[in-house]
Amino acid sequence: MQGVADDLRARPADEPLTEAIAGAMVTRFTPESVADDGHPRSRQWVDGIRLMLTEPEVQGEYLRANMLVQRELAKAIAGRTGTDVLDDMYPNLVAAATGAATTVAMEHWLRADPTVAIGPLLREVLDQLWAGLPTPPKR
């Protein structure tokens, strides 16, 4: 997720912020290790994601790296919205919420049986976030 801030900066300036963030996230999470159908090409890639999210020895490092990424994402959001990353909460809140939503999508993706594509999950979780987290219909 390290390059997501750069990906966001590269998006068209007139693109709505939420769409730009979703586009940057989906682009970043559909690397060469993910096939065109959105499923991983490599079991090793899946195992690496699982390790980052589940192993206590690695989780701390993942959280530290995630905070660094969120800071960079907040700067990119501030640039797009004309806010200040130090004086305004908005860019930091959007970056933190995006990071949390991404983690939720990845955890769901790891548990899915049968497997599902990560890109649509990211879109779904971000769409729910941008919609204000409406209460889902009962199953």
N, C-alpha and C. Protein backbone atom coordinates (compact mmCIF):
# COMPACT_ATOMS: atom_id res chain seq x y z
N MET A 1 0.82 -1.19 0.00
CA MET A 1 0.00 0.00 0.00
C MET A 1 0.86 1.25 0.00
N GLN A 2 2.16 1.09 -0.01
CA GLN A 2 3.08 2.21 0.12
C GLN A 2 2.87 3.28 -0.95
N GLY A 3 2.57 2.91 -2.18
CA GLY A 3 2.46 3.88 -3.25
C GLY A 3 1.08 4.46 -3.45
N VAL A 4 0.13 4.18 -2.57
CA VAL A 4 -1.24 4.62 -2.78
C VAL A 4 -1.34 6.14 -2.77
N ALA A 5 -0.55 6.83 -1.97
CA ALA A 5 -0.57 8.30 -1.97
C ALA A 5 -0.12 8.83 -3.32
N ASP A 6 0.93 8.25 -3.88
CA ASP A 6 1.38 8.66 -5.21
C ASP A 6 0.33 8.34 -6.27
N ASP A 7 -0.31 7.19 -6.13
CA ASP A 7 -1.37 6.82 -7.07
C ASP A 7 -2.52 7.83 -6.98
N LEU A 8 -2.86 8.27 -5.76
CA LEU A 8 -3.92 9.25 -5.58
C LEU A 8 -3.53 10.58 -6.21
N ARG A 9 -2.30 11.00 -6.01
CA ARG A 9 -1.83 12.26 -6.62
C ARG A 9 -1.88 12.21 -8.14
N ALA A 10 -1.70 11.03 -8.70
CA ALA A 10 -1.68 10.88 -10.16
C ALA A 10 -3.07 10.84 -10.78
N ARG A 11 -4.10 10.71 -9.96
CA ARG A 11 -5.47 10.64 -10.47
C ARG A 11 -5.89 12.02 -10.99
N PRO A 12 -6.86 12.07 -11.91
CA PRO A 12 -7.32 13.36 -12.44
C PRO A 12 -7.81 14.29 -11.32
N ALA A 13 -7.42 15.55 -11.39
CA ALA A 13 -7.75 16.52 -10.34
C ALA A 13 -9.25 16.73 -10.20
N ASP A 14 -10.01 16.55 -11.29
CA ASP A 14 -11.46 16.78 -11.22
C ASP A 14 -12.25 15.54 -10.80
N GLU A 15 -11.56 14.44 -10.58
CA GLU A 15 -12.23 13.21 -10.13
C GLU A 15 -12.65 13.38 -8.68
N PRO A 16 -13.89 13.01 -8.33
CA PRO A 16 -14.31 13.12 -6.93
C PRO A 16 -13.34 12.37 -6.00
N LEU A 17 -13.11 12.93 -4.82
CA LEU A 17 -12.14 12.37 -3.89
C LEU A 17 -12.40 10.90 -3.61
N THR A 18 -13.64 10.54 -3.33
CA THR A 18 -13.92 9.15 -2.96
C THR A 18 -13.62 8.20 -4.10
N GLU A 19 -13.94 8.61 -5.32
CA GLU A 19 -13.65 7.76 -6.48
C GLU A 19 -12.14 7.68 -6.72
N ALA A 20 -11.46 8.78 -6.52
CA ALA A 20 -10.01 8.80 -6.70
C ALA A 20 -9.32 7.87 -5.70
N ILE A 21 -9.76 7.92 -4.44
CA ILE A 21 -9.18 7.05 -3.43
C ILE A 21 -9.47 5.59 -3.76
N ALA A 22 -10.73 5.29 -4.10
CA ALA A 22 -11.08 3.90 -4.44
C ALA A 22 -10.27 3.42 -5.63
N GLY A 23 -10.14 4.25 -6.64
CA GLY A 23 -9.36 3.87 -7.82
C GLY A 23 -7.91 3.62 -7.48
N ALA A 24 -7.33 4.48 -6.64
CA ALA A 24 -5.94 4.31 -6.23
C ALA A 24 -5.75 3.03 -5.42
N MET A 25 -6.70 2.75 -4.53
CA MET A 25 -6.60 1.55 -3.69
C MET A 25 -6.72 0.28 -4.53
N VAL A 26 -7.69 0.26 -5.41
CA VAL A 26 -7.89 -0.94 -6.25
C VAL A 26 -6.67 -1.15 -7.14
N THR A 27 -6.13 -0.08 -7.68
CA THR A 27 -4.92 -0.20 -8.51
C THR A 27 -3.77 -0.77 -7.70
N ARG A 28 -3.61 -0.30 -6.49
CA ARG A 28 -2.49 -0.74 -5.65
C ARG A 28 -2.66 -2.20 -5.21
N PHE A 29 -3.89 -2.65 -5.07
CA PHE A 29 -4.12 -4.01 -4.59
C PHE A 29 -4.42 -4.99 -5.71
N THR A 30 -4.16 -4.61 -6.93
CA THR A 30 -4.26 -5.56 -8.04
C THR A 30 -2.92 -5.56 -8.79
N PRO A 31 -1.87 -5.96 -8.07
CA PRO A 31 -0.54 -6.01 -8.68
C PRO A 31 -0.38 -7.22 -9.60
N GLU A 32 0.84 -7.37 -10.06
CA GLU A 32 1.14 -8.49 -10.95
C GLU A 32 0.84 -9.84 -10.30
N SER A 33 0.83 -9.85 -8.97
CA SER A 33 0.59 -11.11 -8.27
C SER A 33 -0.89 -11.49 -8.26
N VAL A 34 -1.74 -10.62 -8.80
CA VAL A 34 -3.16 -10.89 -8.86
C VAL A 34 -3.57 -11.03 -10.32
N ALA A 35 -4.27 -12.10 -10.63
CA ALA A 35 -4.69 -12.37 -12.00
C ALA A 35 -5.80 -11.40 -12.43
N ASP A 36 -6.12 -11.41 -13.71
CA ASP A 36 -7.16 -10.53 -14.25
C ASP A 36 -8.51 -10.72 -13.56
N ASP A 37 -8.76 -11.91 -13.05
CA ASP A 37 -10.04 -12.14 -12.37
C ASP A 37 -10.02 -11.68 -10.92
N GLY A 38 -8.90 -11.09 -10.48
CA GLY A 38 -8.81 -10.56 -9.13
C GLY A 38 -8.33 -11.55 -8.10
N HIS A 39 -8.14 -12.78 -8.47
CA HIS A 39 -7.67 -13.81 -7.54
C HIS A 39 -6.15 -13.86 -7.59
N PRO A 40 -5.52 -14.23 -6.48
CA PRO A 40 -4.06 -14.24 -6.44
C PRO A 40 -3.47 -15.29 -7.35
N ARG A 41 -2.36 -14.92 -7.99
CA ARG A 41 -1.63 -15.87 -8.83
C ARG A 41 -0.76 -16.78 -7.96
N SER A 42 -0.39 -16.28 -6.79
CA SER A 42 0.60 -16.96 -5.98
C SER A 42 0.08 -17.21 -4.57
N ARG A 43 0.22 -18.44 -4.13
CA ARG A 43 -0.12 -18.78 -2.75
C ARG A 43 0.80 -18.03 -1.80
N GLN A 44 2.03 -17.79 -2.22
CA GLN A 44 3.01 -17.08 -1.40
C GLN A 44 2.52 -15.66 -1.10
N TRP A 45 1.89 -14.99 -2.06
CA TRP A 45 1.37 -13.64 -1.86
C TRP A 45 0.27 -13.66 -0.81
N VAL A 46 -0.64 -14.63 -0.92
CA VAL A 46 -1.73 -14.78 0.06
C VAL A 46 -1.15 -15.06 1.44
N ASP A 47 -0.17 -15.95 1.50
CA ASP A 47 0.44 -16.27 2.79
C ASP A 47 1.12 -15.05 3.41
N GLY A 48 1.72 -14.20 2.59
CA GLY A 48 2.34 -12.98 3.08
C GLY A 48 1.32 -12.03 3.68
N ILE A 49 0.19 -11.86 3.02
CA ILE A 49 -0.89 -11.01 3.54
C ILE A 49 -1.41 -11.60 4.86
N ARG A 50 -1.64 -12.90 4.86
CA ARG A 50 -2.14 -13.56 6.07
C ARG A 50 -1.16 -13.37 7.23
N LEU A 51 0.11 -13.52 6.98
CA LEU A 51 1.13 -13.35 8.01
C LEU A 51 1.08 -11.94 8.59
N MET A 52 0.97 -10.93 7.71
CA MET A 52 0.93 -9.54 8.18
C MET A 52 -0.26 -9.27 9.08
N LEU A 53 -1.39 -9.90 8.79
CA LEU A 53 -2.61 -9.61 9.52
C LEU A 53 -2.86 -10.48 10.74
N THR A 54 -2.18 -11.62 10.83
CA THR A 54 -2.53 -12.56 11.89
C THR A 54 -1.42 -12.90 12.88
N GLU A 55 -0.19 -12.75 12.51
CA GLU A 55 0.91 -13.15 13.40
C GLU A 55 1.34 -12.00 14.29
N PRO A 56 1.24 -12.17 15.61
CA PRO A 56 1.58 -11.08 16.54
C PRO A 56 2.98 -10.50 16.32
N GLU A 57 3.93 -11.35 15.96
CA GLU A 57 5.30 -10.86 15.76
C GLU A 57 5.39 -9.90 14.58
N VAL A 58 4.48 -10.03 13.64
CA VAL A 58 4.52 -9.22 12.42
C VAL A 58 3.49 -8.08 12.47
N GLN A 59 2.44 -8.25 13.24
CA GLN A 59 1.37 -7.26 13.29
C GLN A 59 1.87 -5.88 13.69
N GLY A 60 2.76 -5.81 14.65
CA GLY A 60 3.28 -4.51 15.08
C GLY A 60 3.98 -3.79 13.96
N GLU A 61 4.77 -4.51 13.20
CA GLU A 61 5.47 -3.90 12.06
C GLU A 61 4.47 -3.48 10.97
N TYR A 62 3.46 -4.31 10.76
CA TYR A 62 2.40 -3.96 9.80
C TYR A 62 1.70 -2.67 10.23
N LEU A 63 1.36 -2.56 11.51
CA LEU A 63 0.68 -1.37 12.00
C LEU A 63 1.57 -0.13 11.87
N ARG A 64 2.84 -0.28 12.16
CA ARG A 64 3.77 0.84 12.02
C ARG A 64 3.84 1.29 10.57
N ALA A 65 3.99 0.35 9.66
CA ALA A 65 4.05 0.68 8.24
C ALA A 65 2.73 1.30 7.77
N ASN A 66 1.62 0.77 8.28
CA ASN A 66 0.32 1.29 7.91
C ASN A 66 0.17 2.75 8.35
N MET A 67 0.67 3.09 9.53
CA MET A 67 0.61 4.48 10.01
C MET A 67 1.42 5.40 9.10
N LEU A 68 2.57 4.95 8.66
CA LEU A 68 3.38 5.76 7.75
C LEU A 68 2.65 5.98 6.43
N VAL A 69 2.02 4.94 5.93
CA VAL A 69 1.25 5.05 4.69
C VAL A 69 0.08 6.00 4.89
N GLN A 70 -0.60 5.90 6.03
CA GLN A 70 -1.73 6.79 6.30
C GLN A 70 -1.30 8.24 6.34
N ARG A 71 -0.13 8.52 6.89
CA ARG A 71 0.37 9.90 6.92
C ARG A 71 0.57 10.44 5.51
N GLU A 72 1.16 9.60 4.66
CA GLU A 72 1.37 10.03 3.27
C GLU A 72 0.04 10.19 2.53
N LEU A 73 -0.88 9.27 2.79
CA LEU A 73 -2.20 9.37 2.17
C LEU A 73 -2.91 10.64 2.64
N ALA A 74 -2.80 10.98 3.92
CA ALA A 74 -3.41 12.20 4.45
C ALA A 74 -2.84 13.44 3.75
N LYS A 75 -1.54 13.45 3.48
CA LYS A 75 -0.93 14.57 2.76
C LYS A 75 -1.50 14.68 1.35
N ALA A 76 -1.67 13.55 0.68
CA ALA A 76 -2.24 13.56 -0.67
C ALA A 76 -3.69 14.03 -0.64
N ILE A 77 -4.44 13.59 0.36
CA ILE A 77 -5.85 14.01 0.50
C ILE A 77 -5.90 15.51 0.78
N ALA A 78 -5.03 16.00 1.65
CA ALA A 78 -4.98 17.43 1.95
C ALA A 78 -4.70 18.23 0.67
N GLY A 79 -3.79 17.72 -0.14
CA GLY A 79 -3.48 18.40 -1.40
C GLY A 79 -4.67 18.48 -2.34
N ARG A 80 -5.46 17.42 -2.38
CA ARG A 80 -6.63 17.39 -3.27
C ARG A 80 -7.78 18.24 -2.73
N THR A 81 -7.87 18.37 -1.41
CA THR A 81 -9.02 19.04 -0.81
C THR A 81 -8.72 20.47 -0.36
N GLY A 82 -7.49 20.91 -0.49
CA GLY A 82 -7.13 22.26 -0.05
C GLY A 82 -7.15 22.42 1.46
N THR A 83 -6.97 21.32 2.16
CA THR A 83 -6.91 21.36 3.61
C THR A 83 -5.46 21.23 4.06
N ASP A 84 -5.23 21.39 5.33
CA ASP A 84 -3.90 21.30 5.89
C ASP A 84 -3.80 20.06 6.76
N VAL A 85 -2.82 19.25 6.50
CA VAL A 85 -2.68 17.98 7.20
C VAL A 85 -2.41 18.16 8.70
N LEU A 86 -1.85 19.30 9.08
CA LEU A 86 -1.56 19.54 10.50
C LEU A 86 -2.70 20.28 11.21
N ASP A 87 -3.39 21.16 10.51
CA ASP A 87 -4.42 21.98 11.14
C ASP A 87 -5.83 21.44 10.98
N ASP A 88 -6.05 20.58 10.00
CA ASP A 88 -7.39 20.06 9.72
C ASP A 88 -7.44 18.56 9.99
N MET A 89 -8.51 18.12 10.64
CA MET A 89 -8.65 16.70 10.93
C MET A 89 -9.08 15.91 9.69
N TYR A 90 -9.79 16.54 8.75
CA TYR A 90 -10.39 15.84 7.63
C TYR A 90 -9.42 14.93 6.88
N PRO A 91 -8.27 15.40 6.41
CA PRO A 91 -7.42 14.49 5.64
C PRO A 91 -6.91 13.30 6.45
N ASN A 92 -6.66 13.54 7.72
CA ASN A 92 -6.20 12.45 8.59
C ASN A 92 -7.31 11.45 8.87
N LEU A 93 -8.53 11.96 9.06
CA LEU A 93 -9.67 11.08 9.30
C LEU A 93 -9.96 10.22 8.07
N VAL A 94 -9.95 10.82 6.90
CA VAL A 94 -10.21 10.05 5.67
C VAL A 94 -9.12 9.01 5.45
N ALA A 95 -7.88 9.38 5.69
CA ALA A 95 -6.78 8.41 5.52
C ALA A 95 -6.89 7.27 6.51
N ALA A 96 -7.20 7.57 7.76
CA ALA A 96 -7.33 6.52 8.78
C ALA A 96 -8.52 5.61 8.47
N ALA A 97 -9.64 6.20 8.08
CA ALA A 97 -10.82 5.40 7.74
C ALA A 97 -10.54 4.52 6.53
N THR A 98 -9.82 5.05 5.55
CA THR A 98 -9.47 4.27 4.37
C THR A 98 -8.56 3.11 4.76
N GLY A 99 -7.60 3.35 5.63
CA GLY A 99 -6.71 2.28 6.09
C GLY A 99 -7.47 1.20 6.83
N ALA A 100 -8.38 1.61 7.71
CA ALA A 100 -9.18 0.62 8.46
C ALA A 100 -10.07 -0.18 7.52
N ALA A 101 -10.69 0.49 6.56
CA ALA A 101 -11.55 -0.20 5.61
C ALA A 101 -10.75 -1.20 4.77
N THR A 102 -9.55 -0.81 4.41
CA THR A 102 -8.68 -1.71 3.63
C THR A 102 -8.33 -2.96 4.43
N THR A 103 -8.01 -2.78 5.70
CA THR A 103 -7.71 -3.93 6.56
C THR A 103 -8.91 -4.85 6.67
N VAL A 104 -10.10 -4.29 6.85
CA VAL A 104 -11.32 -5.09 6.93
C VAL A 104 -11.51 -5.89 5.65
N ALA A 105 -11.32 -5.23 4.49
CA ALA A 105 -11.48 -5.93 3.21
C ALA A 105 -10.46 -7.07 3.08
N MET A 106 -9.21 -6.82 3.47
CA MET A 106 -8.20 -7.87 3.35
C MET A 106 -8.50 -9.04 4.27
N GLU A 107 -8.94 -8.75 5.49
CA GLU A 107 -9.29 -9.84 6.41
C GLU A 107 -10.46 -10.65 5.87
N HIS A 108 -11.46 -9.98 5.34
CA HIS A 108 -12.60 -10.69 4.75
C HIS A 108 -12.15 -11.53 3.55
N TRP A 109 -11.29 -10.97 2.75
CA TRP A 109 -10.76 -11.65 1.57
C TRP A 109 -10.02 -12.93 1.97
N LEU A 110 -9.26 -12.86 3.06
CA LEU A 110 -8.52 -14.04 3.50
C LEU A 110 -9.44 -15.15 4.00
N ARG A 111 -10.59 -14.78 4.58
CA ARG A 111 -11.52 -15.78 5.13
C ARG A 111 -12.51 -16.30 4.09
N ALA A 112 -12.64 -15.64 2.98
CA ALA A 112 -13.67 -15.99 2.00
C ALA A 112 -13.48 -17.42 1.49
N ASP A 113 -14.57 -18.15 1.49
CA ASP A 113 -14.58 -19.51 0.96
C ASP A 113 -15.93 -19.74 0.27
N PRO A 114 -15.96 -19.76 -1.03
CA PRO A 114 -14.82 -19.79 -1.96
C PRO A 114 -14.14 -18.43 -2.03
N THR A 115 -12.96 -18.42 -2.63
CA THR A 115 -12.19 -17.19 -2.72
C THR A 115 -12.93 -16.16 -3.56
N VAL A 116 -12.65 -14.92 -3.26
CA VAL A 116 -13.23 -13.80 -3.99
C VAL A 116 -12.09 -12.87 -4.42
N ALA A 117 -12.37 -12.01 -5.36
CA ALA A 117 -11.37 -11.05 -5.83
C ALA A 117 -11.26 -9.90 -4.83
N ILE A 118 -10.04 -9.41 -4.60
CA ILE A 118 -9.81 -8.34 -3.63
C ILE A 118 -10.31 -6.99 -4.14
N GLY A 119 -10.19 -6.70 -5.43
CA GLY A 119 -10.61 -5.41 -5.97
C GLY A 119 -12.07 -5.07 -5.68
N PRO A 120 -13.00 -5.96 -6.01
CA PRO A 120 -14.40 -5.68 -5.70
C PRO A 120 -14.68 -5.54 -4.20
N LEU A 121 -13.95 -6.30 -3.38
CA LEU A 121 -14.12 -6.15 -1.93
C LEU A 121 -13.69 -4.77 -1.46
N LEU A 122 -12.57 -4.29 -1.99
CA LEU A 122 -12.11 -2.95 -1.64
C LEU A 122 -13.14 -1.91 -2.06
N ARG A 123 -13.64 -2.04 -3.27
CA ARG A 123 -14.68 -1.10 -3.74
C ARG A 123 -15.89 -1.14 -2.82
N GLU A 124 -16.33 -2.34 -2.47
CA GLU A 124 -17.52 -2.48 -1.62
C GLU A 124 -17.31 -1.84 -0.25
N VAL A 125 -16.18 -2.12 0.38
CA VAL A 125 -15.95 -1.59 1.72
C VAL A 125 -15.81 -0.07 1.68
N LEU A 126 -15.16 0.46 0.65
CA LEU A 126 -15.03 1.92 0.54
C LEU A 126 -16.37 2.56 0.20
N ASP A 127 -17.16 1.92 -0.65
CA ASP A 127 -18.50 2.45 -0.96
C ASP A 127 -19.35 2.52 0.31
N GLN A 128 -19.27 1.50 1.14
CA GLN A 128 -20.02 1.51 2.40
C GLN A 128 -19.53 2.63 3.31
N LEU A 129 -18.23 2.82 3.36
CA LEU A 129 -17.66 3.88 4.18
C LEU A 129 -18.14 5.25 3.69
N TRP A 130 -18.02 5.49 2.38
CA TRP A 130 -18.41 6.79 1.82
C TRP A 130 -19.91 7.03 1.97
N ALA A 131 -20.69 5.97 2.02
CA ALA A 131 -22.14 6.12 2.18
C ALA A 131 -22.54 6.36 3.64
N GLY A 132 -21.55 6.44 4.52
CA GLY A 132 -21.85 6.70 5.92
C GLY A 132 -22.15 5.45 6.72
N LEU A 133 -21.72 4.33 6.23
CA LEU A 133 -21.94 3.04 6.89
C LEU A 133 -23.40 2.78 7.20
N PRO A 134 -24.23 2.77 6.16
CA PRO A 134 -25.65 2.49 6.40
C PRO A 134 -25.83 1.07 6.95
N THR A 135 -26.85 0.89 7.75
CA THR A 135 -27.15 -0.43 8.31
C THR A 135 -27.54 -1.36 7.18
N PRO A 136 -26.87 -2.50 7.06
CA PRO A 136 -27.21 -3.42 5.97
C PRO A 136 -28.57 -4.10 6.23
N PRO A 137 -29.20 -4.55 5.16
CA PRO A 137 -30.47 -5.29 5.36
C PRO A 137 -30.20 -6.59 6.11
N LYS A 138 -31.18 -7.03 6.88
CA LYS A 138 -31.04 -8.30 7.60
C LYS A 138 -31.05 -9.44 6.61
N ARG A 139 -30.27 -10.46 6.93
CA ARG A 139 -30.21 -11.65 6.05
C ARG A 139 -31.34 -12.56 6.32
